[in-house]
Amino acid sequence: MPGQGTRRTGATANGQTDGELHLPPPRQTDAVRDCHCQLCGRLPATDPLSAAVARRGWTVVSVPDDGPRDGVGAYAYTVGLWHSFAHAEASVFGRDELEMVRWLDTVGGQVESGRVLNPDRQGDDVLGPVEVFPRPALASWHRHLFGAALTFYRGQPVPMLQLVWPDERGVLPWEPECAEGCLAVQPWLWDRVTAAPAPAGWPFPVSPDALVLTTKAIAFDGAAVSGIVHDEEGEWQFLDDPAVDMEDLTIVHLAHVVGSRPELGAVGDLPSGFEAWLDGTGVWNPEALDDALDP
């Protein structure tokens, strides 16, 4: 069968069936990291954000409170820490914009000097007298909140931390009696986001925010999709070859794969437990998956 080579790897987009990506913990400067950003691509990057990262190692994107946005007010986040230092990006919500930029600039400088922030719910004094509590931002939030980072990383949802701050009494948002002014302005990015309604005409049964397994050539180099696997657990794979090595695979949002390939909508109704491959005439041929993991 054409798709059996991929199924023998046992690879899935999520590593589990809850539909969420659990990104690896942050790593530090001399660690190997998988980066496919504008600066690591084959073509030279010319946009201002990439230039800022190339010049300094990171930059800070500030998003103002400009009206209703899923209950999220002003926030800021770094771009470049993963590329430059193999460290998770960082974000802050609900403070004064200039203050959040200063905070994240401080974080960037600390990371550059070798500091590692761990998403372990423990307090961190990276900002000196202001204690923050790093938490992991699940990848399902990235398209909603961190668009500039996704653009810089060419669709790769790299690790992102949320630096959570307590109220004036030191009470954290997940603790009883946290002040409303602290609780209301900090979204819980470590919790799953409710899927946004799919756009009109969206051909797949899962959200554009769903995470899918694909090859790096498809995700970052524009390779054509020649095979699609919709496994028994409901996860999707988009492939350019029947035999794919694990090191050739990556995880991106479904919207990243389909956005530039609207023709894939023709197989959006592929049932779970099926695969479809293009034949020489450009026709998709669906058939039931054999369980290559069975003896």
Protein backbone atom coordinates (compact mmCIF):
# COMPACT_ATOMS: atom_id res chain seq x y z
CA MET A 1 0.00 0.00 0.00
CA PRO A 2 1.37 3.48 -0.77
CA GLY A 3 0.99 4.92 2.71
CA GLN A 4 2.24 1.98 4.75
CA GLY A 5 5.76 3.37 5.01
CA THR A 6 4.50 6.37 6.94
CA ARG A 7 2.28 4.32 9.23
CA ARG A 8 5.17 2.07 10.28
CA THR A 9 6.78 5.08 11.92
CA GLY A 10 3.93 5.30 14.41
CA ALA A 11 4.15 9.09 14.02
CA THR A 12 1.19 11.30 14.88
CA ALA A 13 0.71 15.03 14.98
CA ASN A 14 0.01 15.17 18.67
CA GLY A 15 1.72 12.23 20.28
CA GLN A 16 -1.68 11.51 21.82
CA THR A 17 -5.33 11.74 20.90
CA ASP A 18 -6.43 14.90 22.72
CA GLY A 19 -5.90 17.12 19.68
CA GLU A 20 -3.27 19.30 21.35
CA LEU A 21 0.41 19.74 20.75
CA HIS A 22 2.70 19.35 23.73
CA LEU A 23 5.83 21.16 22.65
CA PRO A 24 9.27 20.16 23.97
CA PRO A 25 10.72 22.05 26.91
CA PRO A 26 12.93 25.04 26.12
CA ARG A 27 16.55 24.34 25.39
CA GLN A 28 19.62 26.55 25.44
CA THR A 29 22.18 28.07 23.09
CA ASP A 30 24.39 25.12 22.18
CA ALA A 31 21.49 22.64 21.92
CA VAL A 32 20.28 21.35 18.59
CA ARG A 33 16.96 22.96 17.68
CA ASP A 34 14.65 22.51 14.74
CA CYS A 35 14.18 25.97 13.21
CA HIS A 36 12.70 26.78 9.80
CA CYS A 37 12.33 30.54 10.17
CA GLN A 38 12.79 33.27 7.59
CA LEU A 39 16.47 33.54 8.50
CA CYS A 40 17.03 29.78 8.19
CA GLY A 41 15.24 29.49 4.85
CA ARG A 42 16.80 29.23 1.42
CA LEU A 43 15.75 32.71 0.34
CA PRO A 44 17.09 35.88 2.00
CA ALA A 45 14.66 37.52 4.43
CA THR A 46 13.95 41.18 3.77
CA ASP A 47 11.09 42.00 6.16
CA PRO A 48 11.71 44.38 9.11
CA LEU A 49 10.95 41.80 11.80
CA SER A 50 13.51 39.34 10.41
CA ALA A 51 16.03 42.17 10.15
CA ALA A 52 15.47 43.03 13.81
CA VAL A 53 16.00 39.40 14.87
CA ALA A 54 19.11 39.12 12.71
CA ARG A 55 20.53 42.28 14.21
CA ARG A 56 19.81 41.67 17.88
CA GLY A 57 18.84 38.01 18.29
CA TRP A 58 15.22 38.73 19.17
CA THR A 59 12.55 41.40 18.99
CA VAL A 60 9.34 42.15 20.87
CA VAL A 61 5.93 42.44 19.21
CA SER A 62 3.42 44.59 21.11
CA VAL A 63 -0.31 44.16 20.46
CA PRO A 64 -2.52 47.00 21.77
CA ASP A 65 -5.92 46.62 23.37
CA ASP A 66 -7.94 47.66 20.33
CA GLY A 67 -11.31 46.16 21.12
CA PRO A 68 -12.92 42.74 21.65
CA ARG A 69 -10.53 39.88 20.85
CA ASP A 70 -11.70 36.69 22.53
CA GLY A 71 -11.41 38.38 25.93
CA VAL A 72 -7.75 39.28 25.41
CA GLY A 73 -6.54 42.85 25.94
CA ALA A 74 -3.07 44.24 25.32
CA TYR A 75 -0.17 41.79 25.25
CA ALA A 76 3.37 41.39 23.95
CA TYR A 77 5.60 38.51 22.91
CA THR A 78 9.12 37.82 21.75
CA VAL A 79 10.16 36.60 18.33
CA GLY A 80 13.63 35.15 17.77
CA LEU A 81 14.56 33.41 21.03
CA TRP A 82 13.97 29.99 19.46
CA HIS A 83 16.01 30.86 16.38
CA SER A 84 18.90 32.51 18.20
CA PHE A 85 19.12 30.63 21.50
CA ALA A 86 17.01 27.45 21.12
CA HIS A 87 14.81 28.81 23.91
CA ALA A 88 11.04 29.11 24.03
CA GLU A 89 9.55 32.46 23.07
CA ALA A 90 7.88 34.40 25.90
CA SER A 91 4.66 36.39 26.20
CA VAL A 92 3.00 38.65 28.78
CA PHE A 93 -0.63 39.76 28.98
CA GLY A 94 -2.60 42.49 30.69
CA ARG A 95 0.05 45.02 31.72
CA ASP A 96 0.92 48.44 30.33
CA GLU A 97 2.30 47.99 26.80
CA LEU A 98 5.61 49.70 27.45
CA GLU A 99 6.05 47.76 30.67
CA MET A 100 5.47 44.46 28.87
CA VAL A 101 8.02 45.39 26.20
CA ARG A 102 10.56 46.23 28.93
CA TRP A 103 9.84 42.97 30.69
CA LEU A 104 10.37 40.92 27.55
CA ASP A 105 13.50 42.82 26.60
CA THR A 106 14.83 41.89 30.03
CA VAL A 107 13.87 38.27 29.43
CA GLY A 108 15.63 38.31 26.05
CA GLY A 109 18.81 39.65 27.60
CA GLN A 110 18.70 37.02 30.34
CA VAL A 111 18.14 34.22 27.82
CA GLU A 112 21.02 35.55 25.72
CA SER A 113 23.26 35.31 28.78
CA GLY A 114 22.29 31.66 29.30
CA ARG A 115 19.24 31.71 31.52
CA VAL A 116 16.51 29.11 30.94
CA LEU A 117 12.86 29.69 31.87
CA ASN A 118 11.03 26.48 32.70
CA PRO A 119 7.22 26.10 32.44
CA ASP A 120 6.91 24.37 35.80
CA ARG A 121 4.45 26.68 37.63
CA GLN A 122 7.26 27.80 39.92
CA GLY A 123 8.05 31.45 40.52
CA ASP A 124 10.94 32.92 38.54
CA ASP A 125 12.85 36.11 39.43
CA VAL A 126 14.04 36.74 35.87
CA LEU A 127 12.55 40.26 36.20
CA GLY A 128 14.17 40.96 39.54
CA PRO A 129 11.63 42.08 42.16
CA VAL A 130 8.65 41.12 39.95
CA GLU A 131 8.09 37.38 40.25
CA VAL A 132 6.49 35.67 37.25
CA PHE A 133 5.32 32.12 36.74
CA PRO A 134 6.12 30.62 33.29
CA ARG A 135 3.40 28.42 31.80
CA PRO A 136 3.37 26.71 28.37
CA ALA A 137 1.16 28.29 25.70
CA LEU A 138 -0.57 25.49 23.83
CA ALA A 139 -0.13 25.53 20.07
CA SER A 140 -3.88 25.88 19.45
CA TRP A 141 -3.56 29.52 20.57
CA HIS A 142 -0.75 30.45 18.20
CA ARG A 143 -2.82 31.36 15.13
CA HIS A 144 -5.10 33.52 17.28
CA LEU A 145 -2.45 35.48 19.16
CA PHE A 146 1.06 35.04 17.78
CA GLY A 147 0.69 35.69 14.06
CA ALA A 148 3.98 37.53 13.67
CA ALA A 149 5.84 34.63 15.26
CA LEU A 150 4.11 32.11 12.98
CA THR A 151 5.00 34.23 9.96
CA PHE A 152 8.63 34.53 11.04
CA TYR A 153 8.86 30.77 11.68
CA ARG A 154 7.05 30.04 8.37
CA GLY A 155 4.15 28.26 10.04
CA GLN A 156 6.17 26.29 12.59
CA PRO A 157 4.49 26.57 16.04
CA VAL A 158 7.64 26.87 18.16
CA PRO A 159 7.48 26.68 21.98
CA MET A 160 5.92 29.74 23.61
CA LEU A 161 5.77 30.57 27.32
CA GLN A 162 3.24 32.78 29.06
CA LEU A 163 4.76 34.70 31.97
CA VAL A 164 1.92 34.88 34.46
CA TRP A 165 2.00 37.59 37.15
CA PRO A 166 0.13 37.59 40.49
CA ASP A 167 -2.15 40.24 41.93
CA GLU A 168 -0.98 42.78 44.52
CA ARG A 169 -1.40 40.22 47.31
CA GLY A 170 0.66 37.61 45.45
CA VAL A 171 -2.39 35.53 44.48
CA LEU A 172 -2.13 33.83 41.08
CA PRO A 173 -4.97 33.56 38.52
CA TRP A 174 -5.47 29.83 39.16
CA GLU A 175 -5.67 30.35 42.94
CA PRO A 176 -8.86 31.19 44.89
CA GLU A 177 -9.64 34.86 45.52
CA CYS A 178 -7.33 36.25 42.84
CA ALA A 179 -8.20 39.89 42.17
CA GLU A 180 -10.45 40.39 39.16
CA GLY A 181 -8.05 42.93 37.65
CA CYS A 182 -5.38 40.25 37.51
CA LEU A 183 -7.59 37.32 36.57
CA ALA A 184 -9.58 38.98 33.78
CA VAL A 185 -6.64 40.23 31.72
CA GLN A 186 -4.55 37.03 31.61
CA PRO A 187 -5.89 34.25 29.36
CA TRP A 188 -5.01 30.73 30.36
CA LEU A 189 -2.91 29.75 27.37
CA TRP A 190 -2.03 26.45 29.00
CA ASP A 191 -5.70 25.49 28.56
CA ARG A 192 -7.19 24.40 25.26
CA VAL A 193 -8.73 27.22 23.21
CA THR A 194 -12.28 26.77 21.97
CA ALA A 195 -12.01 26.21 18.24
CA ALA A 196 -13.01 29.25 16.22
CA PRO A 197 -15.80 28.68 13.70
CA ALA A 198 -14.41 27.38 10.41
CA PRO A 199 -14.65 29.86 7.53
CA ALA A 200 -17.48 29.40 5.07
CA GLY A 201 -16.71 26.60 2.66
CA TRP A 202 -13.98 25.05 4.82
CA PRO A 203 -13.83 21.48 3.43
CA PHE A 204 -12.32 19.58 6.35
CA PRO A 205 -14.20 18.18 9.36
CA VAL A 206 -11.62 19.62 11.77
CA SER A 207 -10.71 23.22 12.55
CA PRO A 208 -8.08 25.15 10.57
CA ASP A 209 -6.27 25.28 13.94
CA ALA A 210 -5.94 21.48 14.06
CA LEU A 211 -2.37 20.23 14.13
CA VAL A 212 -1.31 17.89 11.36
CA LEU A 213 1.77 15.90 10.46
CA THR A 214 3.49 16.75 7.21
CA THR A 215 6.92 16.81 5.63
CA LYS A 216 9.30 19.73 6.00
CA ALA A 217 9.39 20.00 2.21
CA ILE A 218 5.62 20.59 2.13
CA ALA A 219 5.56 22.87 5.18
CA PHE A 220 8.52 25.09 4.36
CA ASP A 221 9.60 24.57 0.74
CA GLY A 222 6.28 24.49 -1.11
CA ALA A 223 6.42 20.83 -2.18
CA ALA A 224 3.21 19.41 -3.61
CA VAL A 225 1.05 17.08 -1.51
CA SER A 226 0.70 13.71 -3.22
CA GLY A 227 -0.72 11.63 -0.38
CA ILE A 228 -3.11 12.17 2.52
CA VAL A 229 -3.65 9.84 5.48
CA HIS A 230 -6.65 10.19 7.80
CA ASP A 231 -5.93 7.57 10.44
CA GLU A 232 -8.31 5.68 12.70
CA GLU A 233 -7.78 8.16 15.54
CA GLY A 234 -8.83 11.08 13.34
CA GLU A 235 -5.37 12.57 12.81
CA TRP A 236 -4.25 13.82 9.41
CA GLN A 237 -0.97 13.43 7.52
CA PHE A 238 -0.05 15.32 4.34
CA LEU A 239 2.82 13.67 2.48
CA ASP A 240 4.89 14.07 -0.66
CA ASP A 241 6.24 10.51 -0.78
CA PRO A 242 4.97 7.10 0.37
CA ALA A 243 8.19 6.42 2.33
CA VAL A 244 9.04 9.19 4.77
CA ASP A 245 11.73 9.19 7.44
CA MET A 246 10.90 10.53 10.88
CA GLU A 247 13.49 13.32 10.57
CA ASP A 248 11.65 14.60 7.49
CA LEU A 249 8.41 15.20 9.41
CA THR A 250 7.13 18.27 11.20
CA ILE A 251 3.91 19.53 12.81
CA VAL A 252 1.97 22.59 11.59
CA HIS A 253 -1.59 23.86 11.65
CA LEU A 254 -3.92 22.45 9.01
CA ALA A 255 -4.52 25.99 7.73
CA HIS A 256 -0.80 26.29 6.92
CA VAL A 257 -0.94 23.27 4.59
CA VAL A 258 -4.30 23.97 2.98
CA GLY A 259 -4.06 27.76 2.75
CA SER A 260 -1.79 27.70 -0.27
CA ARG A 261 -3.24 24.46 -1.66
CA PRO A 262 -7.03 24.90 -1.95
CA GLU A 263 -7.17 21.89 -4.25
CA LEU A 264 -6.74 19.68 -1.16
CA GLY A 265 -10.36 20.44 -0.35
CA ALA A 266 -11.26 17.71 -2.84
CA VAL A 267 -10.26 15.12 -0.22
CA GLY A 268 -11.52 16.98 2.84
CA ASP A 269 -14.24 14.33 3.26
CA LEU A 270 -11.75 11.45 3.37
CA PRO A 271 -13.09 9.09 6.08
CA SER A 272 -10.95 8.19 9.08
CA GLY A 273 -9.08 4.95 8.47
CA PHE A 274 -8.46 5.86 4.82
CA GLU A 275 -5.62 7.23 2.74
CA ALA A 276 -5.67 8.85 -0.71
CA TRP A 277 -2.85 9.20 -3.23
CA LEU A 278 -2.67 11.06 -6.52
CA ASP A 279 -2.30 8.93 -9.61
CA GLY A 280 -0.52 9.95 -12.79
CA THR A 281 -3.59 11.75 -14.09
CA GLY A 282 -4.04 13.93 -11.03
CA VAL A 283 -6.95 11.93 -9.59
CA TRP A 284 -7.14 11.09 -5.88
CA ASN A 285 -7.55 7.37 -5.20
CA PRO A 286 -8.84 6.67 -1.67
CA GLU A 287 -8.62 3.25 -0.07
CA ALA A 288 -8.79 1.80 3.42
CA LEU A 289 -5.62 1.76 5.46
CA ASP A 290 -3.94 -1.53 6.27
CA ASP A 291 -2.72 -1.60 9.87
CA ALA A 292 1.01 -1.77 9.20
CA LEU A 293 1.69 -2.00 12.94
CA ASP A 294 -0.11 -5.36 13.24
CA PRO A 295 2.02 -8.50 12.94
